[in-house]
Amino acid sequence: MMPSLQVRKENEGRFIVRVTWPDGAFEEIAGFEHEKDADDWIAFKLPNWLEEQRQARV
């Protein structure tokens, strides 16, 4: 199952990626300086992160 993803700007001007699972649980990946950094994380690191999360949930 693929979660929904949202890039959000925090009050400090930094960005987070909010990952919401189909069951409503969510996680926030924080610490991105620019929106492009968050987009790059989604493009290049999300697949490995998702696999780690799936293994942890089993």
PDB file of N, CA and C in Angstrom:
ATOM      1  N   MET A   1       0.818  -1.180   0.000  1.00  0.00           N
ATOM      2  CA  MET A   1       0.000   0.000   0.000  1.00  0.00           C
ATOM      3  C   MET A   1       0.868   1.251   0.000  1.00  0.00           C
ATOM      4  N   MET A   2       0.525   2.148  -0.863  1.00  0.00           N
ATOM      5  CA  MET A   2       1.275   3.396  -0.982  1.00  0.00           C
ATOM      6  C   MET A   2       0.630   4.471  -0.110  1.00  0.00           C
ATOM      7  N   PRO A   3       1.418   5.124   0.731  1.00  0.00           N
ATOM      8  CA  PRO A   3       0.882   6.220   1.544  1.00  0.00           C
ATOM      9  C   PRO A   3       0.724   7.476   0.694  1.00  0.00           C
ATOM     10  N   SER A   4      -0.022   8.421   1.209  1.00  0.00           N
ATOM     11  CA  SER A   4      -0.085   9.722   0.546  1.00  0.00           C
ATOM     12  C   SER A   4       1.048  10.584   1.095  1.00  0.00           C
ATOM     13  N   LEU A   5       1.543  11.481   0.267  1.00  0.00           N
ATOM     14  CA  LEU A   5       2.682  12.312   0.623  1.00  0.00           C
ATOM     15  C   LEU A   5       2.310  13.773   0.483  1.00  0.00           C
ATOM     16  N   GLN A   6       2.831  14.575   1.393  1.00  0.00           N
ATOM     17  CA  GLN A   6       2.597  16.011   1.319  1.00  0.00           C
ATOM     18  C   GLN A   6       3.852  16.727   1.802  1.00  0.00           C
ATOM     19  N   VAL A   7       4.343  17.663   1.003  1.00  0.00           N
ATOM     20  CA  VAL A   7       5.453  18.515   1.430  1.00  0.00           C
ATOM     21  C   VAL A   7       4.828  19.732   2.095  1.00  0.00           C
ATOM     22  N   ARG A   8       5.262  20.007   3.324  1.00  0.00           N
ATOM     23  CA  ARG A   8       4.678  21.109   4.096  1.00  0.00           C
ATOM     24  C   ARG A   8       5.782  22.029   4.596  1.00  0.00           C
ATOM     25  N   LYS A   9       5.470  23.309   4.625  1.00  0.00           N
ATOM     26  CA  LYS A   9       6.408  24.288   5.167  1.00  0.00           C
ATOM     27  C   LYS A   9       6.115  24.477   6.651  1.00  0.00           C
ATOM     28  N   GLU A  10       7.171  24.384   7.456  1.00  0.00           N
ATOM     29  CA  GLU A  10       7.029  24.588   8.889  1.00  0.00           C
ATOM     30  C   GLU A  10       7.194  26.064   9.223  1.00  0.00           C
ATOM     31  N   ASN A  11       6.877  26.417  10.450  1.00  0.00           N
ATOM     32  CA  ASN A  11       6.960  27.804  10.897  1.00  0.00           C
ATOM     33  C   ASN A  11       8.361  28.390  10.774  1.00  0.00           C
ATOM     34  N   GLU A  12       9.373  27.549  10.927  1.00  0.00           N
ATOM     35  CA  GLU A  12      10.750  28.041  10.867  1.00  0.00           C
ATOM     36  C   GLU A  12      11.226  28.237   9.436  1.00  0.00           C
ATOM     37  N   GLY A  13      10.361  27.997   8.462  1.00  0.00           N
ATOM     38  CA  GLY A  13      10.737  28.150   7.065  1.00  0.00           C
ATOM     39  C   GLY A  13      11.368  26.909   6.466  1.00  0.00           C
ATOM     40  N   ARG A  14      11.481  25.857   7.259  1.00  0.00           N
ATOM     41  CA  ARG A  14      12.004  24.590   6.750  1.00  0.00           C
ATOM     42  C   ARG A  14      10.830  23.741   6.273  1.00  0.00           C
ATOM     43  N   PHE A  15      11.140  22.657   5.622  1.00  0.00           N
ATOM     44  CA  PHE A  15      10.097  21.818   5.045  1.00  0.00           C
ATOM     45  C   PHE A  15      10.121  20.418   5.647  1.00  0.00           C
ATOM     46  N   ILE A  16       8.956  19.781   5.637  1.00  0.00           N
ATOM     47  CA  ILE A  16       8.815  18.395   6.068  1.00  0.00           C
ATOM     48  C   ILE A  16       8.068  17.632   4.985  1.00  0.00           C
ATOM     49  N   VAL A  17       8.250  16.323   4.984  1.00  0.00           N
ATOM     50  CA  VAL A  17       7.427  15.442   4.165  1.00  0.00           C
ATOM     51  C   VAL A  17       6.519  14.694   5.128  1.00  0.00           C
ATOM     52  N   ARG A  18       5.231  14.868   4.972  1.00  0.00           N
ATOM     53  CA  ARG A  18       4.254  14.159   5.800  1.00  0.00           C
ATOM     54  C   ARG A  18       3.801  12.931   5.023  1.00  0.00           C
ATOM     55  N   VAL A  19       4.005  11.770   5.619  1.00  0.00           N
ATOM     56  CA  VAL A  19       3.631  10.491   5.021  1.00  0.00           C
ATOM     57  C   VAL A  19       2.417   9.979   5.784  1.00  0.00           C
ATOM     58  N   THR A  20       1.293   9.837   5.092  1.00  0.00           N
ATOM     59  CA  THR A  20       0.065   9.363   5.735  1.00  0.00           C
ATOM     60  C   THR A  20      -0.286   8.001   5.169  1.00  0.00           C
ATOM     61  N   TRP A  21      -0.354   7.018   6.061  1.00  0.00           N
ATOM     62  CA  TRP A  21      -0.663   5.642   5.671  1.00  0.00           C
ATOM     63  C   TRP A  21      -2.172   5.470   5.504  1.00  0.00           C
ATOM     64  N   PRO A  22      -2.602   4.472   4.759  1.00  0.00           N
ATOM     65  CA  PRO A  22      -4.037   4.255   4.547  1.00  0.00           C
ATOM     66  C   PRO A  22      -4.840   4.105   5.843  1.00  0.00           C
ATOM     67  N   ASP A  23      -4.205   3.646   6.918  1.00  0.00           N
ATOM     68  CA  ASP A  23      -4.928   3.483   8.185  1.00  0.00           C
ATOM     69  C   ASP A  23      -5.025   4.788   8.978  1.00  0.00           C
ATOM     70  N   GLY A  24      -4.502   5.887   8.408  1.00  0.00           N
ATOM     71  CA  GLY A  24      -4.571   7.189   9.064  1.00  0.00           C
ATOM     72  C   GLY A  24      -3.341   7.548   9.874  1.00  0.00           C
ATOM     73  N   ALA A  25      -2.489   6.570  10.165  1.00  0.00           N
ATOM     74  CA  ALA A  25      -1.244   6.867  10.874  1.00  0.00           C
ATOM     75  C   ALA A  25      -0.365   7.726   9.973  1.00  0.00           C
ATOM     76  N   PHE A  26       0.452   8.572  10.583  1.00  0.00           N
ATOM     77  CA  PHE A  26       1.333   9.402   9.770  1.00  0.00           C
ATOM     78  C   PHE A  26       2.690   9.543  10.423  1.00  0.00           C
ATOM     79  N   GLU A  27       3.651   9.893   9.595  1.00  0.00           N
ATOM     80  CA  GLU A  27       5.005  10.177  10.048  1.00  0.00           C
ATOM     81  C   GLU A  27       5.448  11.433   9.333  1.00  0.00           C
ATOM     82  N   GLU A  28       6.320  12.189   9.970  1.00  0.00           N
ATOM     83  CA  GLU A  28       6.857  13.389   9.355  1.00  0.00           C
ATOM     84  C   GLU A  28       8.372  13.276   9.275  1.00  0.00           C
ATOM     85  N   ILE A  29       8.869  13.443   8.067  1.00  0.00           N
ATOM     86  CA  ILE A  29      10.308  13.441   7.824  1.00  0.00           C
ATOM     87  C   ILE A  29      10.705  14.917   7.770  1.00  0.00           C
ATOM     88  N   ALA A  30      11.494  15.351   8.743  1.00  0.00           N
ATOM     89  CA  ALA A  30      11.792  16.775   8.904  1.00  0.00           C
ATOM     90  C   ALA A  30      13.213  17.109   8.479  1.00  0.00           C
ATOM     91  N   GLY A  31      13.457  18.410   8.411  1.00  0.00           N
ATOM     92  CA  GLY A  31      14.826  18.896   8.262  1.00  0.00           C
ATOM     93  C   GLY A  31      15.240  19.307   6.872  1.00  0.00           C
ATOM     94  N   PHE A  32      14.294  19.580   6.002  1.00  0.00           N
ATOM     95  CA  PHE A  32      14.654  19.986   4.652  1.00  0.00           C
ATOM     96  C   PHE A  32      14.732  21.507   4.584  1.00  0.00           C
ATOM     97  N   GLU A  33      15.835  22.004   4.084  1.00  0.00           N
ATOM     98  CA  GLU A  33      16.067  23.445   3.993  1.00  0.00           C
ATOM     99  C   GLU A  33      15.164  24.097   2.939  1.00  0.00           C
ATOM    100  N   HIS A  34      14.989  23.410   1.833  1.00  0.00           N
ATOM    101  CA  HIS A  34      14.210  23.946   0.716  1.00  0.00           C
ATOM    102  C   HIS A  34      13.177  22.914   0.264  1.00  0.00           C
ATOM    103  N   GLU A  35      12.130  23.383  -0.379  1.00  0.00           N
ATOM    104  CA  GLU A  35      11.106  22.474  -0.893  1.00  0.00           C
ATOM    105  C   GLU A  35      11.717  21.478  -1.875  1.00  0.00           C
ATOM    106  N   LYS A  36      12.675  21.915  -2.675  1.00  0.00           N
ATOM    107  CA  LYS A  36      13.327  21.012  -3.630  1.00  0.00           C
ATOM    108  C   LYS A  36      14.041  19.866  -2.908  1.00  0.00           C
ATOM    109  N   ASP A  37      14.617  20.139  -1.737  1.00  0.00           N
ATOM    110  CA  ASP A  37      15.276  19.071  -0.967  1.00  0.00           C
ATOM    111  C   ASP A  37      14.265  18.007  -0.563  1.00  0.00           C
ATOM    112  N   ALA A  38      13.073  18.433  -0.159  1.00  0.00           N
ATOM    113  CA  ALA A  38      12.020  17.477   0.198  1.00  0.00           C
ATOM    114  C   ALA A  38      11.569  16.703  -1.036  1.00  0.00           C
ATOM    115  N   ASP A  39      11.421  17.403  -2.157  1.00  0.00           N
ATOM    116  CA  ASP A  39      11.046  16.735  -3.405  1.00  0.00           C
ATOM    117  C   ASP A  39      12.104  15.716  -3.823  1.00  0.00           C
ATOM    118  N   ASP A  40      13.378  16.073  -3.665  1.00  0.00           N
ATOM    119  CA  ASP A  40      14.460  15.144  -4.008  1.00  0.00           C
ATOM    120  C   ASP A  40      14.436  13.918  -3.098  1.00  0.00           C
ATOM    121  N   TRP A  41      14.129  14.113  -1.814  1.00  0.00           N
ATOM    122  CA  TRP A  41      14.032  12.965  -0.903  1.00  0.00           C
ATOM    123  C   TRP A  41      12.943  12.014  -1.385  1.00  0.00           C
ATOM    124  N   ILE A  42      11.799  12.576  -1.784  1.00  0.00           N
ATOM    125  CA  ILE A  42      10.701  11.746  -2.295  1.00  0.00           C
ATOM    126  C   ILE A  42      11.150  10.996  -3.540  1.00  0.00           C
ATOM    127  N   ALA A  43      11.813  11.687  -4.454  1.00  0.00           N
ATOM    128  CA  ALA A  43      12.214  11.081  -5.717  1.00  0.00           C
ATOM    129  C   ALA A  43      13.279  10.006  -5.546  1.00  0.00           C
ATOM    130  N   PHE A  44      14.233  10.228  -4.646  1.00  0.00           N
ATOM    131  CA  PHE A  44      15.398   9.345  -4.594  1.00  0.00           C
ATOM    132  C   PHE A  44      15.493   8.457  -3.357  1.00  0.00           C
ATOM    133  N   LYS A  45      14.924   8.870  -2.248  1.00  0.00           N
ATOM    134  CA  LYS A  45      15.092   8.104  -1.010  1.00  0.00           C
ATOM    135  C   LYS A  45      13.821   7.436  -0.522  1.00  0.00           C
ATOM    136  N   LEU A  46      12.678   7.894  -0.999  1.00  0.00           N
ATOM    137  CA  LEU A  46      11.409   7.334  -0.547  1.00  0.00           C
ATOM    138  C   LEU A  46      11.313   5.824  -0.776  1.00  0.00           C
ATOM    139  N   PRO A  47      11.681   5.293  -1.945  1.00  0.00           N
ATOM    140  CA  PRO A  47      11.527   3.841  -2.139  1.00  0.00           C
ATOM    141  C   PRO A  47      12.233   3.002  -1.071  1.00  0.00           C
ATOM    142  N   ASN A  48      13.463   3.349  -0.731  1.00  0.00           N
ATOM    143  CA  ASN A  48      14.186   2.607   0.317  1.00  0.00           C
ATOM    144  C   ASN A  48      13.542   2.807   1.677  1.00  0.00           C
ATOM    145  N   TRP A  49      13.113   4.023   1.960  1.00  0.00           N
ATOM    146  CA  TRP A  49      12.458   4.307   3.230  1.00  0.00           C
ATOM    147  C   TRP A  49      11.175   3.498   3.367  1.00  0.00           C
ATOM    148  N   LEU A  50      10.384   3.441   2.275  1.00  0.00           N
ATOM    149  CA  LEU A  50       9.139   2.657   2.309  1.00  0.00           C
ATOM    150  C   LEU A  50       9.421   1.187   2.573  1.00  0.00           C
ATOM    151  N   GLU A  51      10.464   0.661   1.956  1.00  0.00           N
ATOM    152  CA  GLU A  51      10.794  -0.752   2.172  1.00  0.00           C
ATOM    153  C   GLU A  51      11.183  -0.985   3.633  1.00  0.00           C
ATOM    154  N   GLU A  52      11.945  -0.077   4.219  1.00  0.00           N
ATOM    155  CA  GLU A  52      12.307  -0.189   5.639  1.00  0.00           C
ATOM    156  C   GLU A  52      11.063  -0.156   6.516  1.00  0.00           C
ATOM    157  N   GLN A  53      10.121   0.719   6.200  1.00  0.00           N
ATOM    158  CA  GLN A  53       8.896   0.830   6.986  1.00  0.00           C
ATOM    159  C   GLN A  53       8.043  -0.436   6.864  1.00  0.00           C
ATOM    160  N   ARG A  54       7.959  -0.969   5.668  1.00  0.00           N
ATOM    161  CA  ARG A  54       7.181  -2.204   5.470  1.00  0.00           C
ATOM    162  C   ARG A  54       7.760  -3.347   6.281  1.00  0.00           C
ATOM    163  N   GLN A  55       9.086  -3.455   6.284  1.00  0.00           N
ATOM    164  CA  GLN A  55       9.732  -4.527   7.054  1.00  0.00           C
ATOM    165  C   GLN A  55       9.497  -4.321   8.553  1.00  0.00           C
ATOM    166  N   ALA A  56       9.492  -3.090   9.005  1.00  0.00           N
ATOM    167  CA  ALA A  56       9.294  -2.804  10.421  1.00  0.00           C
ATOM    168  C   ALA A  56       7.844  -3.085  10.848  1.00  0.00           C
ATOM    169  N   ARG A  57       6.892  -2.954   9.935  1.00  0.00           N
ATOM    170  CA  ARG A  57       5.482  -3.147  10.258  1.00  0.00           C
ATOM    171  C   ARG A  57       5.065  -4.614  10.226  1.00  0.00           C
ATOM    172  N   VAL A  58       5.905  -5.479   9.707  1.00  0.00           N
ATOM    173  CA  VAL A  58       5.537  -6.902   9.601  1.00  0.00           C
ATOM    174  C   VAL A  58       5.679  -7.596  10.935  1.00  0.00           C
TER     175      VAL A  58
END
